[in-house]
Each structure stands twice: as structure tokens, then as C-alpha cells.
């Protein structure tokens, strides 16, 4: 799935939607929410894909202006923020998204409930 451009001229952003043994995973890639709107995500049909786990850049979960990208445009069962320093994840994400899992160490494991 190609999710428009990355906000960097000439660079495409590739998002991946993968289903393995009935579990659907979505990785946004380096999505630029100022370029890719909630309506774009809806246009790709993501809310209807029954996404079990979405991997999104941390700032989508932290910045209130981008929460709709997750809540309306992706609608994941579980949310995993990425692209942050393991020793310094932003506090409070759990207060906003009850379905979030934040990895805090290298090689940490998590089993999908």
C-alpha cells in the first residue's frame, strides 16, 4: 500500500498492511499527517480492515491534532508507538489510548491478548 508521499519531495511513504494467521497488522511507515489526512486513511479503507495492531510514529499518539488519524482513520484494536528513544517514551500516552502497548526495552516481548 502506498500512502501518498512522505512530505519529503520525491520520497514515497510505504505503509504495510499484513495479515498472518487471521491477525492484521498495519505499519504506517514514515507517515506525514500534514500530507496524509484522516479522509485519505478512510479512503484506503483502513477502518474497515479490522486492524488488530497498528504501529504508528509516537507523535501521532502524543499530539492531539493527530489523534483522529488513529481513532478515525485507522481504528486499531491495539496501538504500538514507534520511533522514540526506548529510555524516554512520552508519558501519558496510556491515559489517552487505553489500547496502547509501549515497549520500554530492547527485545521486549508482548503477546496479543
PDB file of N, CA and C in Angstrom:
ATOM      1  N   UNK A   1       0.852  -1.155   0.000  1.00  0.00           N
ATOM      2  CA  UNK A   1       0.000   0.000   0.000  1.00  0.00           C
ATOM      3  C   UNK A   1       0.904   1.226   0.000  1.00  0.00           C
ATOM      4  N   UNK A   2       0.702   2.137  -0.897  1.00  0.00           N
ATOM      5  CA  UNK A   2       1.449   3.388  -0.933  1.00  0.00           C
ATOM      6  C   UNK A   2       0.558   4.477  -0.361  1.00  0.00           C
ATOM      7  N   UNK A   3       0.990   5.087   0.709  1.00  0.00           N
ATOM      8  CA  UNK A   3       0.175   6.108   1.357  1.00  0.00           C
ATOM      9  C   UNK A   3       0.748   7.480   0.999  1.00  0.00           C
ATOM     10  N   UNK A   4       0.445   7.924  -0.193  1.00  0.00           N
ATOM     11  CA  UNK A   4       0.887   9.210  -0.732  1.00  0.00           C
ATOM     12  C   UNK A   4       2.349   9.460  -0.460  1.00  0.00           C
ATOM     13  N   UNK A   5       2.712  10.726  -0.346  1.00  0.00           N
ATOM     14  CA  UNK A   5       4.138  10.983  -0.154  1.00  0.00           C
ATOM     15  C   UNK A   5       4.460  11.207   1.310  1.00  0.00           C
ATOM     16  N   UNK A   6       5.732  11.230   1.593  1.00  0.00           N
ATOM     17  CA  UNK A   6       6.199  11.310   2.969  1.00  0.00           C
ATOM     18  C   UNK A   6       6.351  12.741   3.448  1.00  0.00           C
ATOM     19  N   UNK A   7       6.077  13.710   2.595  1.00  0.00           N
ATOM     20  CA  UNK A   7       6.325  15.092   2.947  1.00  0.00           C
ATOM     21  C   UNK A   7       7.706  15.537   2.517  1.00  0.00           C
ATOM     22  N   UNK A   8       8.510  14.604   2.039  1.00  0.00           N
ATOM     23  CA  UNK A   8       9.846  14.897   1.527  1.00  0.00           C
ATOM     24  C   UNK A   8       9.764  14.756   0.014  1.00  0.00           C
ATOM     25  N   UNK A   9      10.052  15.815  -0.736  1.00  0.00           N
ATOM     26  CA  UNK A   9       9.910  15.758  -2.186  1.00  0.00           C
ATOM     27  C   UNK A   9      10.617  14.551  -2.797  1.00  0.00           C
ATOM     28  N   UNK A  10       9.879  13.808  -3.622  1.00  0.00           N
ATOM     29  CA  UNK A  10      10.436  12.671  -4.330  1.00  0.00           C
ATOM     30  C   UNK A  10      10.521  11.383  -3.527  1.00  0.00           C
ATOM     31  N   UNK A  11      10.072  11.405  -2.267  1.00  0.00           N
ATOM     32  CA  UNK A  11      10.144  10.208  -1.433  1.00  0.00           C
ATOM     33  C   UNK A  11       8.737   9.718  -1.137  1.00  0.00           C
ATOM     34  N   UNK A  12       8.436   8.488  -1.557  1.00  0.00           N
ATOM     35  CA  UNK A  12       7.140   7.895  -1.262  1.00  0.00           C
ATOM     36  C   UNK A  12       7.167   7.276   0.127  1.00  0.00           C
ATOM     37  N   UNK A  13       6.049   7.338   0.797  1.00  0.00           N
ATOM     38  CA  UNK A  13       5.899   6.660   2.073  1.00  0.00           C
ATOM     39  C   UNK A  13       5.151   5.368   1.819  1.00  0.00           C
ATOM     40  N   UNK A  14       5.682   4.271   2.270  1.00  0.00           N
ATOM     41  CA  UNK A  14       5.014   2.990   2.117  1.00  0.00           C
ATOM     42  C   UNK A  14       4.487   2.535   3.466  1.00  0.00           C
ATOM     43  N   UNK A  15       3.189   2.302   3.523  1.00  0.00           N
ATOM     44  CA  UNK A  15       2.577   1.703   4.697  1.00  0.00           C
ATOM     45  C   UNK A  15       2.316   0.255   4.372  1.00  0.00           C
ATOM     46  N   UNK A  16       2.375  -0.599   5.372  1.00  0.00           N
ATOM     47  CA  UNK A  16       2.184  -2.026   5.143  1.00  0.00           C
ATOM     48  C   UNK A  16       1.007  -2.549   5.941  1.00  0.00           C
ATOM     49  N   UNK A  17       0.152  -3.272   5.274  1.00  0.00           N
ATOM     50  CA  UNK A  17      -0.983  -3.951   5.880  1.00  0.00           C
ATOM     51  C   UNK A  17      -0.760  -5.441   5.639  1.00  0.00           C
ATOM     52  N   UNK A  18      -0.584  -6.187   6.726  1.00  0.00           N
ATOM     53  CA  UNK A  18      -0.225  -7.606   6.623  1.00  0.00           C
ATOM     54  C   UNK A  18      -1.173  -8.414   7.504  1.00  0.00           C
ATOM     55  N   UNK A  19      -1.669  -9.513   6.978  1.00  0.00           N
ATOM     56  CA  UNK A  19      -2.490 -10.427   7.769  1.00  0.00           C
ATOM     57  C   UNK A  19      -1.786 -11.775   7.828  1.00  0.00           C
ATOM     58  N   UNK A  20      -1.568 -12.243   9.066  1.00  0.00           N
ATOM     59  CA  UNK A  20      -0.901 -13.523   9.292  1.00  0.00           C
ATOM     60  C   UNK A  20      -1.761 -14.315  10.267  1.00  0.00           C
ATOM     61  N   UNK A  21      -2.176 -15.484   9.861  1.00  0.00           N
ATOM     62  CA  UNK A  21      -2.999 -16.350  10.715  1.00  0.00           C
ATOM     63  C   UNK A  21      -4.182 -15.603  11.312  1.00  0.00           C
ATOM     64  N   UNK A  22      -4.808 -14.759  10.507  1.00  0.00           N
ATOM     65  CA  UNK A  22      -6.002 -14.048  10.945  1.00  0.00           C
ATOM     66  C   UNK A  22      -5.753 -12.797  11.766  1.00  0.00           C
ATOM     67  N   UNK A  23      -4.487 -12.431  11.997  1.00  0.00           N
ATOM     68  CA  UNK A  23      -4.138 -11.213  12.736  1.00  0.00           C
ATOM     69  C   UNK A  23      -3.664 -10.170  11.728  1.00  0.00           C
ATOM     70  N   UNK A  24      -4.314  -9.002  11.748  1.00  0.00           N
ATOM     71  CA  UNK A  24      -3.972  -7.948  10.794  1.00  0.00           C
ATOM     72  C   UNK A  24      -3.134  -6.876  11.473  1.00  0.00           C
ATOM     73  N   UNK A  25      -1.975  -6.609  10.869  1.00  0.00           N
ATOM     74  CA  UNK A  25      -1.023  -5.620  11.361  1.00  0.00           C
ATOM     75  C   UNK A  25      -0.921  -4.489  10.345  1.00  0.00           C
ATOM     76  N   UNK A  26      -0.806  -3.259  10.849  1.00  0.00           N
ATOM     77  CA  UNK A  26      -0.617  -2.113   9.960  1.00  0.00           C
ATOM     78  C   UNK A  26       0.560  -1.294  10.462  1.00  0.00           C
ATOM     79  N   UNK A  27       1.499  -1.035   9.588  1.00  0.00           N
ATOM     80  CA  UNK A  27       2.671  -0.205   9.879  1.00  0.00           C
ATOM     81  C   UNK A  27       2.559   1.024   8.988  1.00  0.00           C
ATOM     82  N   UNK A  28       2.480   2.194   9.594  1.00  0.00           N
ATOM     83  CA  UNK A  28       2.252   3.421   8.819  1.00  0.00           C
ATOM     84  C   UNK A  28       3.450   3.863   7.999  1.00  0.00           C
ATOM     85  N   UNK A  29       4.629   3.315   8.274  1.00  0.00           N
ATOM     86  CA  UNK A  29       5.820   3.855   7.655  1.00  0.00           C
ATOM     87  C   UNK A  29       6.080   5.235   8.246  1.00  0.00           C
ATOM     88  N   UNK A  30       6.746   6.079   7.501  1.00  0.00           N
ATOM     89  CA  UNK A  30       7.039   7.433   7.982  1.00  0.00           C
ATOM     90  C   UNK A  30       5.959   8.396   7.516  1.00  0.00           C
ATOM     91  N   UNK A  31       4.751   8.129   7.920  1.00  0.00           N
ATOM     92  CA  UNK A  31       3.589   8.922   7.507  1.00  0.00           C
ATOM     93  C   UNK A  31       3.741  10.379   7.948  1.00  0.00           C
ATOM     94  N   UNK A  32       3.362  11.284   7.085  1.00  0.00           N
ATOM     95  CA  UNK A  32       3.315  12.708   7.421  1.00  0.00           C
ATOM     96  C   UNK A  32       1.839  13.075   7.520  1.00  0.00           C
ATOM     97  N   UNK A  33       1.317  13.259   8.742  1.00  0.00           N
ATOM     98  CA  UNK A  33      -0.109  13.525   8.906  1.00  0.00           C
ATOM     99  C   UNK A  33      -0.546  14.881   8.368  1.00  0.00           C
ATOM    100  N   UNK A  34       0.414  15.722   8.039  1.00  0.00           N
ATOM    101  CA  UNK A  34       0.063  17.001   7.410  1.00  0.00           C
ATOM    102  C   UNK A  34      -0.130  16.829   5.910  1.00  0.00           C
ATOM    103  N   UNK A  35       0.305  15.685   5.379  1.00  0.00           N
ATOM    104  CA  UNK A  35       0.137  15.370   3.963  1.00  0.00           C
ATOM    105  C   UNK A  35      -0.966  14.335   3.779  1.00  0.00           C
ATOM    106  N   UNK A  36      -0.979  13.322   4.647  1.00  0.00           N
ATOM    107  CA  UNK A  36      -1.974  12.250   4.593  1.00  0.00           C
ATOM    108  C   UNK A  36      -3.052  12.547   5.632  1.00  0.00           C
ATOM    109  N   UNK A  37      -4.248  12.810   5.166  1.00  0.00           N
ATOM    110  CA  UNK A  37      -5.336  13.202   6.065  1.00  0.00           C
ATOM    111  C   UNK A  37      -6.090  11.984   6.592  1.00  0.00           C
ATOM    112  N   UNK A  38      -6.948  12.239   7.568  1.00  0.00           N
ATOM    113  CA  UNK A  38      -7.837  11.194   8.082  1.00  0.00           C
ATOM    114  C   UNK A  38      -8.705  10.677   6.942  1.00  0.00           C
ATOM    115  N   UNK A  39      -9.169  11.577   6.091  1.00  0.00           N
ATOM    116  CA  UNK A  39     -10.004  11.169   4.958  1.00  0.00           C
ATOM    117  C   UNK A  39      -9.232  10.288   3.985  1.00  0.00           C
ATOM    118  N   UNK A  40      -7.930  10.557   3.815  1.00  0.00           N
ATOM    119  CA  UNK A  40      -7.104   9.683   2.969  1.00  0.00           C
ATOM    120  C   UNK A  40      -7.069   8.275   3.549  1.00  0.00           C
ATOM    121  N   UNK A  41      -6.857   8.165   4.852  1.00  0.00           N
ATOM    122  CA  UNK A  41      -6.801   6.853   5.505  1.00  0.00           C
ATOM    123  C   UNK A  41      -8.135   6.126   5.364  1.00  0.00           C
ATOM    124  N   UNK A  42      -9.222   6.868   5.514  1.00  0.00           N
ATOM    125  CA  UNK A  42     -10.543   6.275   5.319  1.00  0.00           C
ATOM    126  C   UNK A  42     -10.716   5.835   3.868  1.00  0.00           C
ATOM    127  N   UNK A  43     -10.189   6.636   2.943  1.00  0.00           N
ATOM    128  CA  UNK A  43     -10.276   6.310   1.520  1.00  0.00           C
ATOM    129  C   UNK A  43      -9.541   5.023   1.170  1.00  0.00           C
ATOM    130  N   UNK A  44      -8.487   4.695   1.926  1.00  0.00           N
ATOM    131  CA  UNK A  44      -7.780   3.427   1.734  1.00  0.00           C
ATOM    132  C   UNK A  44      -8.549   2.265   2.354  1.00  0.00           C
ATOM    133  N   UNK A  45      -9.638   2.582   3.055  1.00  0.00           N
ATOM    134  CA  UNK A  45     -10.465   1.545   3.662  1.00  0.00           C
ATOM    135  C   UNK A  45      -9.910   0.978   4.948  1.00  0.00           C
ATOM    136  N   UNK A  46      -8.971   1.685   5.583  1.00  0.00           N
ATOM    137  CA  UNK A  46      -8.337   1.139   6.784  1.00  0.00           C
ATOM    138  C   UNK A  46      -9.308   0.880   7.937  1.00  0.00           C
ATOM    139  N   UNK A  47     -10.287   1.769   8.204  1.00  0.00           N
ATOM    140  CA  UNK A  47     -11.198   1.470   9.315  1.00  0.00           C
ATOM    141  C   UNK A  47     -11.961   0.161   9.137  1.00  0.00           C
ATOM    142  N   UNK A  48     -12.186  -0.267   7.921  1.00  0.00           N
ATOM    143  CA  UNK A  48     -12.925  -1.498   7.662  1.00  0.00           C
ATOM    144  C   UNK A  48     -12.049  -2.739   7.574  1.00  0.00           C
ATOM    145  N   UNK A  49     -10.755  -2.590   7.781  1.00  0.00           N
ATOM    146  CA  UNK A  49      -9.824  -3.720   7.652  1.00  0.00           C
ATOM    147  C   UNK A  49      -9.667  -4.513   8.946  1.00  0.00           C
ATOM    148  N   UNK A  50     -10.355  -4.118  10.008  1.00  0.00           N
ATOM    149  CA  UNK A  50     -10.250  -4.814  11.295  1.00  0.00           C
ATOM    150  C   UNK A  50      -8.789  -4.996  11.703  1.00  0.00           C
ATOM    151  N   UNK A  51      -8.084  -3.878  11.793  1.00  0.00           N
ATOM    152  CA  UNK A  51      -6.663  -3.893  12.135  1.00  0.00           C
ATOM    153  C   UNK A  51      -6.504  -4.243  13.614  1.00  0.00           C
ATOM    154  N   UNK A  52      -5.802  -5.335  13.865  1.00  0.00           N
ATOM    155  CA  UNK A  52      -5.586  -5.773  15.239  1.00  0.00           C
ATOM    156  C   UNK A  52      -4.521  -4.929  15.929  1.00  0.00           C
ATOM    157  N   UNK A  53      -3.415  -4.660  15.242  1.00  0.00           N
ATOM    158  CA  UNK A  53      -2.311  -3.904  15.821  1.00  0.00           C
ATOM    159  C   UNK A  53      -1.816  -2.904  14.791  1.00  0.00           C
ATOM    160  N   UNK A  54      -1.704  -1.640  15.205  1.00  0.00           N
ATOM    161  CA  UNK A  54      -1.148  -0.597  14.339  1.00  0.00           C
ATOM    162  C   UNK A  54       0.137  -0.065  14.955  1.00  0.00           C
ATOM    163  N   UNK A  55       1.164   0.006  14.133  1.00  0.00           N
ATOM    164  CA  UNK A  55       2.436   0.602  14.526  1.00  0.00           C
ATOM    165  C   UNK A  55       2.457   2.008  13.937  1.00  0.00           C
ATOM    166  N   UNK A  56       2.502   3.020  14.802  1.00  0.00           N
ATOM    167  CA  UNK A  56       2.435   4.406  14.355  1.00  0.00           C
ATOM    168  C   UNK A  56       3.566   5.219  14.976  1.00  0.00           C
ATOM    169  N   UNK A  57       4.029   6.276  14.303  1.00  0.00           N
ATOM    170  CA  UNK A  57       5.028   7.131  14.925  1.00  0.00           C
ATOM    171  C   UNK A  57       4.470   7.699  16.234  1.00  0.00           C
ATOM    172  N   UNK A  58       5.324   7.779  17.218  1.00  0.00           N
ATOM    173  CA  UNK A  58       4.901   8.227  18.544  1.00  0.00           C
ATOM    174  C   UNK A  58       4.145   9.555  18.507  1.00  0.00           C
ATOM    175  N   UNK A  59       4.571  10.477  17.652  1.00  0.00           N
ATOM    176  CA  UNK A  59       3.941  11.796  17.658  1.00  0.00           C
ATOM    177  C   UNK A  59       2.460  11.750  17.287  1.00  0.00           C
ATOM    178  N   UNK A  60       2.030  10.718  16.530  1.00  0.00           N
ATOM    179  CA  UNK A  60       0.593  10.604  16.235  1.00  0.00           C
ATOM    180  C   UNK A  60      -0.201  10.360  17.518  1.00  0.00           C
ATOM    181  N   UNK A  61       0.385   9.622  18.441  1.00  0.00           N
ATOM    182  CA  UNK A  61      -0.289   9.318  19.704  1.00  0.00           C
ATOM    183  C   UNK A  61      -0.129  10.435  20.727  1.00  0.00           C
ATOM    184  N   UNK A  62       0.897  11.263  20.564  1.00  0.00           N
ATOM    185  CA  UNK A  62       1.189  12.313  21.543  1.00  0.00           C
ATOM    186  C   UNK A  62       0.480  13.619  21.196  1.00  0.00           C
ATOM    187  N   UNK A  63       0.504  13.995  19.923  1.00  0.00           N
ATOM    188  CA  UNK A  63      -0.039  15.291  19.526  1.00  0.00           C
ATOM    189  C   UNK A  63      -1.540  15.182  19.261  1.00  0.00           C
ATOM    190  N   UNK A  64      -2.312  15.897  20.043  1.00  0.00           N
ATOM    191  CA  UNK A  64      -3.771  15.816  19.967  1.00  0.00           C
ATOM    192  C   UNK A  64      -4.302  16.086  18.567  1.00  0.00           C
ATOM    193  N   UNK A  65      -3.638  16.952  17.831  1.00  0.00           N
ATOM    194  CA  UNK A  65      -4.087  17.285  16.476  1.00  0.00           C
ATOM    195  C   UNK A  65      -4.097  16.069  15.556  1.00  0.00           C
ATOM    196  N   UNK A  66      -3.343  15.017  15.908  1.00  0.00           N
ATOM    197  CA  UNK A  66      -3.242  13.837  15.051  1.00  0.00           C
ATOM    198  C   UNK A  66      -3.983  12.623  15.607  1.00  0.00           C
ATOM    199  N   UNK A  67      -4.645  12.755  16.728  1.00  0.00           N
ATOM    200  CA  UNK A  67      -5.355  11.612  17.319  1.00  0.00           C
ATOM    201  C   UNK A  67      -6.415  11.037  16.386  1.00  0.00           C
ATOM    202  N   UNK A  68      -7.064  11.891  15.599  1.00  0.00           N
ATOM    203  CA  UNK A  68      -8.101  11.409  14.677  1.00  0.00           C
ATOM    204  C   UNK A  68      -7.521  10.462  13.626  1.00  0.00           C
ATOM    205  N   UNK A  69      -6.251  10.631  13.291  1.00  0.00           N
ATOM    206  CA  UNK A  69      -5.623   9.707  12.342  1.00  0.00           C
ATOM    207  C   UNK A  69      -5.695   8.274  12.877  1.00  0.00           C
ATOM    208  N   UNK A  70      -5.512   8.131  14.182  1.00  0.00           N
ATOM    209  CA  UNK A  70      -5.562   6.811  14.809  1.00  0.00           C
ATOM    210  C   UNK A  70      -7.008   6.389  15.061  1.00  0.00           C
ATOM    211  N   UNK A  71      -7.756   7.257  15.731  1.00  0.00           N
ATOM    212  CA  UNK A  71      -9.106   6.912  16.190  1.00  0.00           C
ATOM    213  C   UNK A  71     -10.114   6.755  15.060  1.00  0.00           C
ATOM    214  N   UNK A  72     -10.004   7.580  14.032  1.00  0.00           N
ATOM    215  CA  UNK A  72     -10.968   7.541  12.929  1.00  0.00           C
ATOM    216  C   UNK A  72     -10.398   6.933  11.651  1.00  0.00           C
ATOM    217  N   UNK A  73      -9.126   7.207  11.378  1.00  0.00           N
ATOM    218  CA  UNK A  73      -8.536   6.779  10.112  1.00  0.00           C
ATOM    219  C   UNK A  73      -7.993   5.371  10.104  1.00  0.00           C
ATOM    220  N   UNK A  74      -7.594   4.863  11.284  1.00  0.00           N
ATOM    221  CA  UNK A  74      -7.016   3.523  11.354  1.00  0.00           C
ATOM    222  C   UNK A  74      -7.895   2.592  12.187  1.00  0.00           C
ATOM    223  N   UNK A  75      -8.317   3.034  13.336  1.00  0.00           N
ATOM    224  CA  UNK A  75      -9.175   2.277  14.261  1.00  0.00           C
ATOM    225  C   UNK A  75      -8.583   0.919  14.639  1.00  0.00           C
ATOM    226  N   UNK A  76      -7.369   0.917  15.206  1.00  0.00           N
ATOM    227  CA  UNK A  76      -6.749  -0.359  15.564  1.00  0.00           C
ATOM    228  C   UNK A  76      -7.290  -0.932  16.868  1.00  0.00           C
ATOM    229  N   UNK A  77      -7.194  -2.253  16.982  1.00  0.00           N
ATOM    230  CA  UNK A  77      -7.519  -2.892  18.245  1.00  0.00           C
ATOM    231  C   UNK A  77      -6.478  -2.542  19.297  1.00  0.00           C
ATOM    232  N   UNK A  78      -5.199  -2.556  18.885  1.00  0.00           N
ATOM    233  CA  UNK A  78      -4.089  -2.196  19.765  1.00  0.00           C
ATOM    234  C   UNK A  78      -3.167  -1.247  19.016  1.00  0.00           C
ATOM    235  N   UNK A  79      -2.509  -0.407  19.774  1.00  0.00           N
ATOM    236  CA  UNK A  79      -1.650   0.628  19.222  1.00  0.00           C
ATOM    237  C   UNK A  79      -0.248   0.462  19.788  1.00  0.00           C
ATOM    238  N   UNK A  80       0.750   0.478  18.908  1.00  0.00           N
ATOM    239  CA  UNK A  80       2.136   0.421  19.353  1.00  0.00           C
ATOM    240  C   UNK A  80       2.876   1.625  18.756  1.00  0.00           C
ATOM    241  N   UNK A  81       3.236   2.598  19.608  1.00  0.00           N
ATOM    242  CA  UNK A  81       4.014   3.742  19.126  1.00  0.00           C
ATOM    243  C   UNK A  81       5.438   3.299  18.776  1.00  0.00           C
ATOM    244  N   UNK A  82       6.008   3.969  17.791  1.00  0.00           N
ATOM    245  CA  UNK A  82       7.378   3.646  17.375  1.00  0.00           C
ATOM    246  C   UNK A  82       8.139   4.943  17.112  1.00  0.00           C
ATOM    247  N   UNK A  83       9.415   4.803  16.856  1.00  0.00           N
ATOM    248  CA  UNK A  83      10.310   5.918  16.554  1.00  0.00           C
ATOM    249  C   UNK A  83      10.471   6.858  17.746  1.00  0.00           C
ATOM    250  N   UNK A  84      10.753   6.293  18.906  1.00  0.00           N
ATOM    251  CA  UNK A  84      11.080   7.112  20.072  1.00  0.00           C
ATOM    252  C   UNK A  84      12.219   6.419  20.808  1.00  0.00           C
ATOM    253  N   UNK A  85      12.917   7.179  21.643  1.00  0.00           N
ATOM    254  CA  UNK A  85      14.012   6.597  22.417  1.00  0.00           C
ATOM    255  C   UNK A  85      13.429   5.676  23.479  1.00  0.00           C
ATOM    256  N   UNK A  86      13.884   4.428  23.523  1.00  0.00           N
ATOM    257  CA  UNK A  86      13.352   3.470  24.486  1.00  0.00           C
ATOM    258  C   UNK A  86      13.463   3.974  25.920  1.00  0.00           C
ATOM    259  N   UNK A  87      14.506   4.734  26.184  1.00  0.00           N
ATOM    260  CA  UNK A  87      14.693   5.214  27.549  1.00  0.00           C
ATOM    261  C   UNK A  87      13.841   6.441  27.839  1.00  0.00           C
ATOM    262  N   UNK A  88      13.112   6.933  26.835  1.00  0.00           N
ATOM    263  CA  UNK A  88      12.388   8.178  27.055  1.00  0.00           C
ATOM    264  C   UNK A  88      11.067   8.239  26.297  1.00  0.00           C
ATOM    265  N   UNK A  89      10.172   7.251  26.471  1.00  0.00           N
ATOM    266  CA  UNK A  89       8.867   7.378  25.825  1.00  0.00           C
ATOM    267  C   UNK A  89       8.066   8.495  26.477  1.00  0.00           C
ATOM    268  N   UNK A  90       7.237   9.131  25.716  1.00  0.00           N
ATOM    269  CA  UNK A  90       6.425  10.216  26.242  1.00  0.00           C
ATOM    270  C   UNK A  90       5.430   9.678  27.260  1.00  0.00           C
ATOM    271  N   UNK A  91       5.414  10.278  28.417  1.00  0.00           N
ATOM    272  CA  UNK A  91       4.491   9.857  29.474  1.00  0.00           C
ATOM    273  C   UNK A  91       3.069  10.276  29.110  1.00  0.00           C
ATOM    274  N   UNK A  92       2.105   9.487  29.534  1.00  0.00           N
ATOM    275  CA  UNK A  92       0.711   9.856  29.375  1.00  0.00           C
ATOM    276  C   UNK A  92      -0.003   9.276  28.182  1.00  0.00           C
ATOM    277  N   UNK A  93       0.712   8.589  27.292  1.00  0.00           N
ATOM    278  CA  UNK A  93       0.042   8.005  26.127  1.00  0.00           C
ATOM    279  C   UNK A  93      -1.031   7.016  26.588  1.00  0.00           C
ATOM    280  N   UNK A  94      -0.728   6.284  27.665  1.00  0.00           N
ATOM    281  CA  UNK A  94      -1.684   5.300  28.189  1.00  0.00           C
ATOM    282  C   UNK A  94      -2.967   5.963  28.680  1.00  0.00           C
ATOM    283  N   UNK A  95      -2.861   7.215  29.084  1.00  0.00           N
ATOM    284  CA  UNK A  95      -4.045   7.944  29.542  1.00  0.00           C
ATOM    285  C   UNK A  95      -4.963   8.313  28.378  1.00  0.00           C
ATOM    286  N   UNK A  96      -4.387   8.467  27.196  1.00  0.00           N
ATOM    287  CA  UNK A  96      -5.151   8.864  26.014  1.00  0.00           C
ATOM    288  C   UNK A  96      -5.685   7.644  25.279  1.00  0.00           C
ATOM    289  N   UNK A  97      -4.825   6.643  25.110  1.00  0.00           N
ATOM    290  CA  UNK A  97      -5.181   5.430  24.369  1.00  0.00           C
ATOM    291  C   UNK A  97      -5.104   4.232  25.313  1.00  0.00           C
ATOM    292  N   UNK A  98      -6.241   3.693  25.669  1.00  0.00           N
ATOM    293  CA  UNK A  98      -6.287   2.559  26.588  1.00  0.00           C
ATOM    294  C   UNK A  98      -5.748   1.279  25.959  1.00  0.00           C
ATOM    295  N   UNK A  99      -5.699   1.246  24.631  1.00  0.00           N
ATOM    296  CA  UNK A  99      -5.274   0.042  23.909  1.00  0.00           C
ATOM    297  C   UNK A  99      -3.820   0.100  23.466  1.00  0.00           C
ATOM    298  N   UNK A 100      -3.005   0.925  24.118  1.00  0.00           N
ATOM    299  CA  UNK A 100      -1.620   1.108  23.708  1.00  0.00           C
ATOM    300  C   UNK A 100      -0.700   0.145  24.456  1.00  0.00           C
ATOM    301  N   UNK A 101       0.344  -0.284  23.764  1.00  0.00           N
ATOM    302  CA  UNK A 101       1.429  -1.020  24.416  1.00  0.00           C
ATOM    303  C   UNK A 101       2.718  -0.310  24.043  1.00  0.00           C
ATOM    304  N   UNK A 102       3.467   0.104  25.051  1.00  0.00           N
ATOM    305  CA  UNK A 102       4.723   0.817  24.817  1.00  0.00           C
ATOM    306  C   UNK A 102       5.880  -0.090  25.208  1.00  0.00           C
ATOM    307  N   UNK A 103       6.723  -0.383  24.251  1.00  0.00           N
ATOM    308  CA  UNK A 103       7.916  -1.170  24.533  1.00  0.00           C
ATOM    309  C   UNK A 103       8.935  -0.252  25.197  1.00  0.00           C
ATOM    310  N   UNK A 104       9.511  -0.714  26.278  1.00  0.00           N
ATOM    311  CA  UNK A 104      10.444   0.135  27.019  1.00  0.00           C
ATOM    312  C   UNK A 104      11.848  -0.441  27.075  1.00  0.00           C
ATOM    313  N   UNK A 105      12.074  -1.579  26.432  1.00  0.00           N
ATOM    314  CA  UNK A 105      13.415  -2.141  26.390  1.00  0.00           C
ATOM    315  C   UNK A 105      13.602  -2.914  25.086  1.00  0.00           C
ATOM    316  N   UNK A 106      14.846  -3.087  24.717  1.00  0.00           N
ATOM    317  CA  UNK A 106      15.162  -3.836  23.502  1.00  0.00           C
ATOM    318  C   UNK A 106      14.715  -5.282  23.666  1.00  0.00           C
ATOM    319  N   UNK A 107      14.235  -5.877  22.594  1.00  0.00           N
ATOM    320  CA  UNK A 107      13.837  -7.286  22.537  1.00  0.00           C
ATOM    321  C   UNK A 107      12.709  -7.635  23.508  1.00  0.00           C
ATOM    322  N   UNK A 108      11.963  -6.630  23.948  1.00  0.00           N
ATOM    323  CA  UNK A 108      10.815  -6.889  24.821  1.00  0.00           C
ATOM    324  C   UNK A 108       9.759  -7.652  24.039  1.00  0.00           C
ATOM    325  N   UNK A 109       9.092  -8.550  24.671  1.00  0.00           N
ATOM    326  CA  UNK A 109       8.045  -9.343  24.036  1.00  0.00           C
ATOM    327  C   UNK A 109       6.673  -8.913  24.542  1.00  0.00           C
ATOM    328  N   UNK A 110       5.703  -9.099  23.708  1.00  0.00           N
ATOM    329  CA  UNK A 110       4.318  -8.801  24.055  1.00  0.00           C
ATOM    330  C   UNK A 110       3.444  -9.793  23.304  1.00  0.00           C
ATOM    331  N   UNK A 111       2.507 -10.389  23.988  1.00  0.00           N
ATOM    332  CA  UNK A 111       1.624 -11.336  23.354  1.00  0.00           C
ATOM    333  C   UNK A 111       0.261 -10.683  23.173  1.00  0.00           C
ATOM    334  N   UNK A 112      -0.210 -10.674  21.956  1.00  0.00           N
ATOM    335  CA  UNK A 112      -1.508 -10.085  21.635  1.00  0.00           C
ATOM    336  C   UNK A 112      -2.591 -10.806  22.445  1.00  0.00           C
ATOM    337  N   UNK A 113      -3.322 -10.044  23.254  1.00  0.00           N
ATOM    338  CA  UNK A 113      -4.380 -10.689  24.067  1.00  0.00           C
ATOM    339  C   UNK A 113      -5.466 -11.319  23.215  1.00  0.00           C
TER     340      UNK A 113
END
